[in-house]
N, C-alpha and C. Protein backbone atom coordinates (compact mmCIF):
# COMPACT_ATOMS: atom_id res chain seq x y z
N MET A 1 37.65 182.53 106.64
CA MET A 1 38.44 181.37 106.80
C MET A 1 37.81 180.18 106.40
N ALA A 2 36.52 180.00 106.82
CA ALA A 2 35.75 178.83 106.55
C ALA A 2 35.53 178.65 105.01
N ARG A 3 35.54 179.60 104.30
CA ARG A 3 35.35 179.48 102.92
C ARG A 3 36.51 178.84 102.21
N THR A 4 37.76 179.29 102.71
CA THR A 4 38.95 178.72 102.12
C THR A 4 39.27 177.18 102.47
N THR A 5 38.73 176.86 103.72
CA THR A 5 38.88 175.51 104.15
C THR A 5 37.94 174.64 103.27
N ALA A 6 36.84 175.22 103.04
CA ALA A 6 35.84 174.44 102.23
C ALA A 6 36.24 174.22 100.74
N ALA A 7 36.95 175.24 100.33
CA ALA A 7 37.35 175.16 98.99
C ALA A 7 38.61 174.25 98.83
N ARG A 8 39.32 174.12 99.82
CA ARG A 8 40.38 173.09 99.88
C ARG A 8 39.95 171.71 99.92
N LYS A 9 38.84 171.49 100.62
CA LYS A 9 38.39 170.17 100.82
C LYS A 9 37.82 169.51 99.57
N THR A 10 37.21 170.37 98.68
CA THR A 10 36.46 169.81 97.47
C THR A 10 37.65 169.36 96.53
N GLY A 11 38.77 170.26 96.44
CA GLY A 11 39.86 169.69 95.54
C GLY A 11 39.51 169.92 94.14
N ALA A 12 40.27 169.28 93.23
CA ALA A 12 40.18 169.31 91.79
C ALA A 12 38.75 168.50 91.38
N ARG A 13 38.58 167.56 92.05
CA ARG A 13 37.35 166.64 91.69
C ARG A 13 36.08 167.19 92.28
N GLY A 14 36.10 168.05 92.98
CA GLY A 14 34.74 168.64 93.71
C GLY A 14 33.66 168.94 92.76
N ASP A 15 34.14 169.55 91.57
CA ASP A 15 33.18 170.18 90.66
C ASP A 15 32.46 169.14 89.63
N LYS A 16 33.19 167.94 89.63
CA LYS A 16 32.65 166.94 88.72
C LYS A 16 31.51 166.26 89.42
N ARG A 17 30.58 165.62 88.59
CA ARG A 17 29.43 164.88 89.22
C ARG A 17 29.27 163.51 88.34
N LEU A 18 28.79 162.67 89.12
CA LEU A 18 28.59 161.33 88.52
C LEU A 18 26.98 161.01 88.51
N ARG A 19 26.58 160.53 87.33
CA ARG A 19 25.20 160.03 87.25
C ARG A 19 25.17 158.50 87.64
N VAL A 20 24.44 158.12 88.64
CA VAL A 20 24.42 156.80 89.11
C VAL A 20 23.04 156.24 89.01
N THR A 21 22.78 155.23 88.26
CA THR A 21 21.49 154.54 87.95
C THR A 21 21.32 153.15 88.64
N LEU A 22 20.41 152.96 89.31
CA LEU A 22 20.21 151.41 89.98
C LEU A 22 19.58 150.60 88.81
N VAL A 23 20.34 149.49 88.44
CA VAL A 23 19.85 148.76 87.30
C VAL A 23 19.54 147.34 87.73
N ARG A 24 19.83 146.90 88.95
CA ARG A 24 19.62 145.62 89.47
C ARG A 24 19.00 145.68 90.81
N SER A 25 18.09 144.82 91.35
CA SER A 25 17.57 144.99 92.55
C SER A 25 18.50 144.51 93.64
N THR A 26 18.20 145.07 94.83
CA THR A 26 19.11 144.55 95.94
C THR A 26 18.66 143.42 96.75
N ILE A 27 17.45 142.84 96.29
CA ILE A 27 16.97 141.63 96.83
C ILE A 27 17.88 140.43 96.58
N GLY A 28 18.26 139.68 97.64
CA GLY A 28 19.22 138.56 97.41
C GLY A 28 20.62 139.00 97.68
N PHE A 29 20.93 140.26 97.83
CA PHE A 29 22.25 140.53 98.12
C PHE A 29 22.49 141.02 99.55
N ASN A 30 23.67 141.19 99.99
CA ASN A 30 23.91 141.64 101.40
C ASN A 30 23.21 142.81 101.84
N ARG A 31 22.69 142.83 102.99
CA ARG A 31 21.95 143.97 103.60
C ARG A 31 22.83 145.31 103.57
N THR A 32 24.04 145.03 103.76
CA THR A 32 24.97 146.23 103.71
C THR A 32 25.03 146.97 102.35
N GLN A 33 24.78 146.01 101.25
CA GLN A 33 24.80 146.51 99.94
C GLN A 33 23.51 147.31 99.60
N ALA A 34 22.42 146.93 100.27
CA ALA A 34 21.22 147.57 100.17
C ALA A 34 21.17 148.93 100.95
N ALA A 35 21.86 148.98 102.11
CA ALA A 35 22.09 150.12 102.71
C ALA A 35 22.84 151.16 101.97
N THR A 36 23.94 150.63 101.16
CA THR A 36 24.78 151.55 100.48
C THR A 36 24.09 152.17 99.31
N VAL A 37 23.25 151.35 98.68
CA VAL A 37 22.43 151.95 97.63
C VAL A 37 21.36 153.10 98.13
N THR A 38 20.70 152.73 99.36
CA THR A 38 19.89 153.76 99.95
C THR A 38 20.62 155.06 100.37
N GLY A 39 21.94 154.76 100.90
CA GLY A 39 22.75 155.97 101.22
C GLY A 39 23.23 156.86 100.04
N MET A 40 23.18 156.25 98.85
CA MET A 40 23.40 157.06 97.72
C MET A 40 22.23 157.80 97.25
N GLY A 41 21.11 157.50 97.68
CA GLY A 41 19.83 158.20 97.37
C GLY A 41 19.13 157.44 96.45
N LEU A 42 19.34 156.34 96.03
CA LEU A 42 18.67 155.57 95.06
C LEU A 42 17.54 154.73 95.65
N ARG A 43 16.31 154.96 95.12
CA ARG A 43 15.07 154.37 95.79
C ARG A 43 14.41 153.27 94.98
N ARG A 44 14.57 153.13 93.70
CA ARG A 44 14.04 152.01 93.01
C ARG A 44 14.69 151.96 91.69
N LEU A 45 14.30 150.81 90.96
CA LEU A 45 15.00 150.47 89.75
C LEU A 45 14.79 151.63 88.77
N ARG A 46 15.82 151.77 87.90
CA ARG A 46 15.99 152.83 86.90
C ARG A 46 16.00 154.29 87.48
N HIS A 47 16.14 154.45 88.82
CA HIS A 47 16.24 155.66 89.43
C HIS A 47 17.63 156.25 89.28
N THR A 48 17.83 157.38 88.88
CA THR A 48 19.13 158.06 88.63
C THR A 48 19.32 159.28 89.56
N VAL A 49 20.40 159.28 90.23
CA VAL A 49 20.79 160.55 90.96
C VAL A 49 22.21 161.16 90.44
N GLU A 50 22.53 162.33 90.79
CA GLU A 50 23.79 162.82 90.45
C GLU A 50 24.49 163.03 91.82
N LEU A 51 25.71 162.51 92.01
CA LEU A 51 26.47 162.58 93.17
C LEU A 51 27.82 163.24 92.82
N PRO A 52 28.39 163.88 93.87
CA PRO A 52 29.74 164.44 93.61
C PRO A 52 30.84 163.48 93.39
N ASP A 53 31.90 163.71 92.63
CA ASP A 53 33.00 162.73 92.38
C ASP A 53 33.94 162.84 93.42
N THR A 54 33.80 162.10 94.45
CA THR A 54 34.59 162.07 95.63
C THR A 54 35.09 160.74 95.86
N PRO A 55 36.21 160.70 96.65
CA PRO A 55 36.63 159.16 96.91
C PRO A 55 35.58 158.43 97.77
N GLU A 56 34.93 159.04 98.63
CA GLU A 56 33.84 158.42 99.33
C GLU A 56 32.76 157.93 98.36
N THR A 57 32.27 158.54 97.34
CA THR A 57 31.19 158.21 96.53
C THR A 57 31.75 157.14 95.66
N ARG A 58 33.02 157.14 95.23
CA ARG A 58 33.70 156.22 94.39
C ARG A 58 33.69 154.89 95.19
N GLY A 59 34.04 154.90 96.50
CA GLY A 59 34.08 153.75 97.29
C GLY A 59 32.70 152.98 97.52
N MET A 60 31.66 153.75 97.61
CA MET A 60 30.21 153.31 97.69
C MET A 60 29.76 152.74 96.29
N ILE A 61 30.25 153.25 95.15
CA ILE A 61 29.95 152.81 93.93
C ILE A 61 30.69 151.40 93.68
N HIS A 62 31.90 151.37 94.10
CA HIS A 62 32.75 150.16 93.99
C HIS A 62 32.06 148.99 94.76
N LYS A 63 31.53 149.32 95.90
CA LYS A 63 30.89 148.33 96.79
C LYS A 63 29.74 147.67 96.07
N VAL A 64 28.91 148.50 95.27
CA VAL A 64 27.65 147.97 94.64
C VAL A 64 27.88 148.04 93.07
N ARG A 65 29.01 147.84 92.65
CA ARG A 65 29.17 148.05 91.14
C ARG A 65 28.53 147.11 90.19
N HIS A 66 28.02 145.93 90.75
CA HIS A 66 27.11 144.98 90.09
C HIS A 66 25.78 145.31 90.04
N LEU A 67 25.42 146.50 90.78
CA LEU A 67 23.90 146.90 90.91
C LEU A 67 23.75 148.17 90.21
N VAL A 68 24.73 149.01 89.81
CA VAL A 68 24.43 150.30 89.24
C VAL A 68 25.25 150.40 88.09
N LEU A 69 24.70 151.47 87.30
CA LEU A 69 25.46 152.01 86.01
C LEU A 69 25.93 153.40 86.29
N VAL A 70 27.20 153.76 86.11
CA VAL A 70 27.73 155.07 86.35
C VAL A 70 28.20 155.64 85.01
N GLN A 71 27.72 157.09 84.85
CA GLN A 71 28.08 157.86 83.71
C GLN A 71 28.78 159.05 84.37
N GLU A 72 29.91 159.46 83.74
CA GLU A 72 30.51 160.67 84.10
C GLU A 72 30.12 161.81 83.36
């Protein structure tokens, strides 16, 4: 039963991945934006991570869209 629930939660967008790259420093911006960048797993400039394409991830990207580059 747990497998079916997990499969439903991922939905149609669950298998897609987004490549997010930090292209601007968080220095001089709001601390919550720096925390968002850290929460996405980005550690330094030009660092790239792959994240699942979920509404939560899209919201984080939207918050720091001026600091990151997104590739689908």
